[in-house]
Amino acid sequence: MSVNFAYKSGYNLRVLASHEVDDSLTAAWSALEARALEANAFLSPYFVLPAIRYLEADKHPLFLFVEKEIDGSKDLVGVAIFNVCKPTRKFPLSHLSLFNTIHSYLSGFLVDREYAHDVLENIYRFIMDPKHGWHGLRVRNLAADGGL
């Protein structure tokens, strides 16, 4: 399922399924936690990956990894995790929902504080890209005093 997108020069977006997240990507994701604009243990790979495996296996979330090209290498600067949702009575169009389990108290994005503006711009461009076919983003449980 690995798909790449580029919306802003110097950035690469990769969309992966949970089984495609390897050890090196998990390590980069873990390192991003220390640089995050908003700390969120519920977006740690050590919470998310087991939660998907044991609690959310039927949902098949999309992982969006934002990488910045720095000195010839790609550094992970953002992570967003979405569930693709079918239309419902409350939201009658297909849409995305931020990853959230019954054990998650916060959702959101994991964003490198140094590149937050560009990372968020890339994430929102991905969400709004008409070729994907969804029509909105459901967001629950953001920190009221957070930077996002």
C-alpha atoms as a PDB file:
ATOM      1  CA  MET A   1       0.000   0.000   0.000  1.00  0.00           C
ATOM      2  CA  SER A   2       2.994   2.327   0.250  1.00  0.00           C
ATOM      3  CA  VAL A   3       2.194   5.530  -1.666  1.00  0.00           C
ATOM      4  CA  ASN A   4       4.258   8.724  -1.862  1.00  0.00           C
ATOM      5  CA  PHE A   5       3.050  12.312  -2.222  1.00  0.00           C
ATOM      6  CA  ALA A   6       4.869  15.639  -2.434  1.00  0.00           C
ATOM      7  CA  TYR A   7       2.869  18.810  -1.827  1.00  0.00           C
ATOM      8  CA  LYS A   8       5.598  21.201  -0.743  1.00  0.00           C
ATOM      9  CA  SER A   9       9.188  21.335  -1.973  1.00  0.00           C
ATOM     10  CA  GLY A  10      11.640  19.604   0.342  1.00  0.00           C
ATOM     11  CA  TYR A  11       9.009  17.334   1.891  1.00  0.00           C
ATOM     12  CA  ASN A  12       7.876  13.807   1.106  1.00  0.00           C
ATOM     13  CA  LEU A  13       4.714  12.155   2.420  1.00  0.00           C
ATOM     14  CA  ARG A  14       4.451   8.390   2.689  1.00  0.00           C
ATOM     15  CA  VAL A  15       1.182   6.574   3.285  1.00  0.00           C
ATOM     16  CA  LEU A  16       1.631   3.130   4.807  1.00  0.00           C
ATOM     17  CA  ALA A  17      -0.430   0.388   6.399  1.00  0.00           C
ATOM     18  CA  SER A  18       0.477  -0.688   9.931  1.00  0.00           C
ATOM     19  CA  HIS A  19       2.222  -3.874   8.747  1.00  0.00           C
ATOM     20  CA  GLU A  20       4.567  -1.731   6.594  1.00  0.00           C
ATOM     21  CA  VAL A  21       5.971   0.191   9.572  1.00  0.00           C
ATOM     22  CA  ASP A  22       9.420  -1.333  10.080  1.00  0.00           C
ATOM     23  CA  ASP A  23      11.921  -1.062  12.944  1.00  0.00           C
ATOM     24  CA  SER A  24      13.851   1.872  11.447  1.00  0.00           C
ATOM     25  CA  LEU A  25      10.651   3.864  10.930  1.00  0.00           C
ATOM     26  CA  THR A  26       9.513   2.990  14.459  1.00  0.00           C
ATOM     27  CA  ALA A  27      12.845   4.288  15.814  1.00  0.00           C
ATOM     28  CA  ALA A  28      12.524   7.542  13.827  1.00  0.00           C
ATOM     29  CA  TRP A  29       8.924   7.903  15.040  1.00  0.00           C
ATOM     30  CA  SER A  30      10.049   7.370  18.629  1.00  0.00           C
ATOM     31  CA  ALA A  31      12.798   9.996  18.208  1.00  0.00           C
ATOM     32  CA  LEU A  32      10.192  12.440  16.856  1.00  0.00           C
ATOM     33  CA  GLU A  33       8.328  12.209  20.176  1.00  0.00           C
ATOM     34  CA  ALA A  34      11.176  14.105  21.891  1.00  0.00           C
ATOM     35  CA  ARG A  35      10.988  16.929  19.320  1.00  0.00           C
ATOM     36  CA  ALA A  36       7.199  17.125  19.121  1.00  0.00           C
ATOM     37  CA  LEU A  37       5.360  20.431  19.317  1.00  0.00           C
ATOM     38  CA  GLU A  38       2.813  18.740  21.552  1.00  0.00           C
ATOM     39  CA  ALA A  39       3.712  15.693  23.650  1.00  0.00           C
ATOM     40  CA  ASN A  40       1.189  12.885  23.264  1.00  0.00           C
ATOM     41  CA  ALA A  41       1.901   9.410  24.613  1.00  0.00           C
ATOM     42  CA  PHE A  42      -1.187   8.150  22.757  1.00  0.00           C
ATOM     43  CA  LEU A  43       0.639   8.818  19.467  1.00  0.00           C
ATOM     44  CA  SER A  44       3.783   6.959  20.496  1.00  0.00           C
ATOM     45  CA  PRO A  45       4.614   3.990  18.274  1.00  0.00           C
ATOM     46  CA  TYR A  46       4.784   1.914  21.462  1.00  0.00           C
ATOM     47  CA  PHE A  47       1.123   2.712  22.167  1.00  0.00           C
ATOM     48  CA  VAL A  48      -0.274   2.940  18.624  1.00  0.00           C
ATOM     49  CA  LEU A  49       1.136  -0.232  17.063  1.00  0.00           C
ATOM     50  CA  PRO A  50       0.016  -2.617  19.857  1.00  0.00           C
ATOM     51  CA  ALA A  51      -3.347  -0.818  20.080  1.00  0.00           C
ATOM     52  CA  ILE A  52      -3.921  -1.410  16.378  1.00  0.00           C
ATOM     53  CA  ARG A  53      -2.793  -5.008  16.619  1.00  0.00           C
ATOM     54  CA  TYR A  54      -4.952  -5.895  19.627  1.00  0.00           C
ATOM     55  CA  LEU A  55      -7.791  -3.338  19.777  1.00  0.00           C
ATOM     56  CA  GLU A  56      -8.297  -1.858  16.321  1.00  0.00           C
ATOM     57  CA  ALA A  57      -7.265  -4.642  13.923  1.00  0.00           C
ATOM     58  CA  ASP A  58     -10.511  -4.391  11.954  1.00  0.00           C
ATOM     59  CA  LYS A  59     -10.059  -0.678  11.106  1.00  0.00           C
ATOM     60  CA  HIS A  60      -6.904  -0.770   8.927  1.00  0.00           C
ATOM     61  CA  PRO A  61      -5.704   2.796   9.622  1.00  0.00           C
ATOM     62  CA  LEU A  62      -3.647   4.894   7.234  1.00  0.00           C
ATOM     63  CA  PHE A  63      -0.287   6.063   8.515  1.00  0.00           C
ATOM     64  CA  LEU A  64       0.944   9.337   7.036  1.00  0.00           C
ATOM     65  CA  PHE A  65       4.649   9.974   7.574  1.00  0.00           C
ATOM     66  CA  VAL A  66       6.016  13.414   6.660  1.00  0.00           C
ATOM     67  CA  GLU A  67       9.725  13.483   5.883  1.00  0.00           C
ATOM     68  CA  LYS A  68      11.933  16.517   5.283  1.00  0.00           C
ATOM     69  CA  GLU A  69      14.929  16.285   2.991  1.00  0.00           C
ATOM     70  CA  ILE A  70      17.904  17.557   5.005  1.00  0.00           C
ATOM     71  CA  ASP A  71      21.454  17.345   3.653  1.00  0.00           C
ATOM     72  CA  GLY A  72      20.613  14.486   1.304  1.00  0.00           C
ATOM     73  CA  SER A  73      18.766  12.376   3.862  1.00  0.00           C
ATOM     74  CA  LYS A  74      15.118  12.221   4.866  1.00  0.00           C
ATOM     75  CA  ASP A  75      14.228  12.971   8.478  1.00  0.00           C
ATOM     76  CA  LEU A  76      10.829  12.125   9.934  1.00  0.00           C
ATOM     77  CA  VAL A  77       9.147  15.379  11.019  1.00  0.00           C
ATOM     78  CA  GLY A  78       5.471  14.415  11.237  1.00  0.00           C
ATOM     79  CA  VAL A  79       3.112  11.498  11.842  1.00  0.00           C
ATOM     80  CA  ALA A  80      -0.647  11.415  11.335  1.00  0.00           C
ATOM     81  CA  ILE A  81      -2.812   8.322  11.714  1.00  0.00           C
ATOM     82  CA  PHE A  82      -6.287   8.147  10.225  1.00  0.00           C
ATOM     83  CA  ASN A  83      -9.177   5.753   9.982  1.00  0.00           C
ATOM     84  CA  VAL A  84     -11.124   5.958   6.720  1.00  0.00           C
ATOM     85  CA  CYS A  85     -14.796   6.093   7.676  1.00  0.00           C
ATOM     86  CA  LYS A  86     -17.860   5.286   5.632  1.00  0.00           C
ATOM     87  CA  PRO A  87     -20.815   7.683   5.603  1.00  0.00           C
ATOM     88  CA  THR A  88     -22.984   7.671   8.719  1.00  0.00           C
ATOM     89  CA  ARG A  89     -26.110   9.500   9.825  1.00  0.00           C
ATOM     90  CA  LYS A  90     -23.975  11.973  11.744  1.00  0.00           C
ATOM     91  CA  PHE A  91     -21.464  12.429   8.899  1.00  0.00           C
ATOM     92  CA  PRO A  92     -23.169  11.435   5.621  1.00  0.00           C
ATOM     93  CA  LEU A  93     -20.008  11.466   3.466  1.00  0.00           C
ATOM     94  CA  SER A  94     -16.894   9.304   3.512  1.00  0.00           C
ATOM     95  CA  HIS A  95     -14.322  10.964   5.746  1.00  0.00           C
ATOM     96  CA  LEU A  96     -11.219  10.527   7.844  1.00  0.00           C
ATOM     97  CA  SER A  97     -11.096  10.267  11.603  1.00  0.00           C
ATOM     98  CA  LEU A  98      -7.977  10.778  13.682  1.00  0.00           C
ATOM     99  CA  PHE A  99      -6.718   7.603  15.308  1.00  0.00           C
ATOM    100  CA  ASN A 100      -8.346   7.079  18.679  1.00  0.00           C
ATOM    101  CA  THR A 101      -9.013   4.000  20.822  1.00  0.00           C
ATOM    102  CA  ILE A 102     -11.133   3.489  23.910  1.00  0.00           C
ATOM    103  CA  HIS A 103      -7.880   3.903  25.851  1.00  0.00           C
ATOM    104  CA  SER A 104      -6.801   7.144  24.110  1.00  0.00           C
ATOM    105  CA  TYR A 105      -7.370  10.365  26.007  1.00  0.00           C
ATOM    106  CA  LEU A 106      -5.830  12.543  23.285  1.00  0.00           C
ATOM    107  CA  SER A 107      -5.627  12.386  19.512  1.00  0.00           C
ATOM    108  CA  GLY A 108      -3.929  14.748  17.067  1.00  0.00           C
ATOM    109  CA  PHE A 109      -0.729  14.787  15.060  1.00  0.00           C
ATOM    110  CA  LEU A 110       2.870  14.222  16.111  1.00  0.00           C
ATOM    111  CA  VAL A 111       4.745  17.195  14.632  1.00  0.00           C
ATOM    112  CA  ASP A 112       8.373  18.321  14.949  1.00  0.00           C
ATOM    113  CA  ARG A 113       8.221  21.716  16.663  1.00  0.00           C
ATOM    114  CA  GLU A 114      10.916  23.176  14.363  1.00  0.00           C
ATOM    115  CA  TYR A 115       8.958  22.385  11.184  1.00  0.00           C
ATOM    116  CA  ALA A 116       5.393  22.495  12.564  1.00  0.00           C
ATOM    117  CA  HIS A 117       3.948  24.977  10.070  1.00  0.00           C
ATOM    118  CA  ASP A 118       5.227  23.140   6.985  1.00  0.00           C
ATOM    119  CA  VAL A 119       4.353  19.710   8.388  1.00  0.00           C
ATOM    120  CA  LEU A 120       0.778  20.752   9.182  1.00  0.00           C
ATOM    121  CA  GLU A 121       0.445  22.366   5.751  1.00  0.00           C
ATOM    122  CA  ASN A 122       1.513  19.079   4.130  1.00  0.00           C
ATOM    123  CA  ILE A 123      -0.887  17.037   6.277  1.00  0.00           C
ATOM    124  CA  TYR A 124      -3.825  19.319   5.486  1.00  0.00           C
ATOM    125  CA  ARG A 125      -2.991  19.354   1.769  1.00  0.00           C
ATOM    126  CA  PHE A 126      -3.042  15.556   1.844  1.00  0.00           C
ATOM    127  CA  ILE A 127      -6.408  15.553   3.620  1.00  0.00           C
ATOM    128  CA  MET A 128      -7.915  18.085   1.187  1.00  0.00           C
ATOM    129  CA  ASP A 129      -6.579  16.441  -1.983  1.00  0.00           C
ATOM    130  CA  PRO A 130      -9.754  15.695  -3.999  1.00  0.00           C
ATOM    131  CA  LYS A 131      -8.352  12.510  -5.541  1.00  0.00           C
ATOM    132  CA  HIS A 132      -8.673  10.692  -2.198  1.00  0.00           C
ATOM    133  CA  GLY A 133     -12.473  10.803  -2.118  1.00  0.00           C
ATOM    134  CA  TRP A 134     -13.074  11.721   1.496  1.00  0.00           C
ATOM    135  CA  HIS A 135     -14.935  14.850   2.507  1.00  0.00           C
ATOM    136  CA  GLY A 136     -13.764  15.849   5.946  1.00  0.00           C
ATOM    137  CA  LEU A 137     -11.804  15.052   9.054  1.00  0.00           C
ATOM    138  CA  ARG A 138     -13.318  14.069  12.371  1.00  0.00           C
ATOM    139  CA  VAL A 139     -11.214  15.252  15.281  1.00  0.00           C
ATOM    140  CA  ARG A 140     -11.857  14.296  18.896  1.00  0.00           C
ATOM    141  CA  ASN A 141      -9.895  14.726  22.090  1.00  0.00           C
ATOM    142  CA  LEU A 142      -7.374  17.429  21.206  1.00  0.00           C
ATOM    143  CA  ALA A 143      -5.536  19.100  24.077  1.00  0.00           C
ATOM    144  CA  ALA A 144      -7.271  22.420  24.776  1.00  0.00           C
ATOM    145  CA  ASP A 145      -3.990  24.157  25.565  1.00  0.00           C
ATOM    146  CA  GLY A 146      -1.902  22.396  22.909  1.00  0.00           C
ATOM    147  CA  GLY A 147       0.011  23.905  20.011  1.00  0.00           C
ATOM    148  CA  LEU A 148      -2.083  22.192  17.360  1.00  0.00           C
END
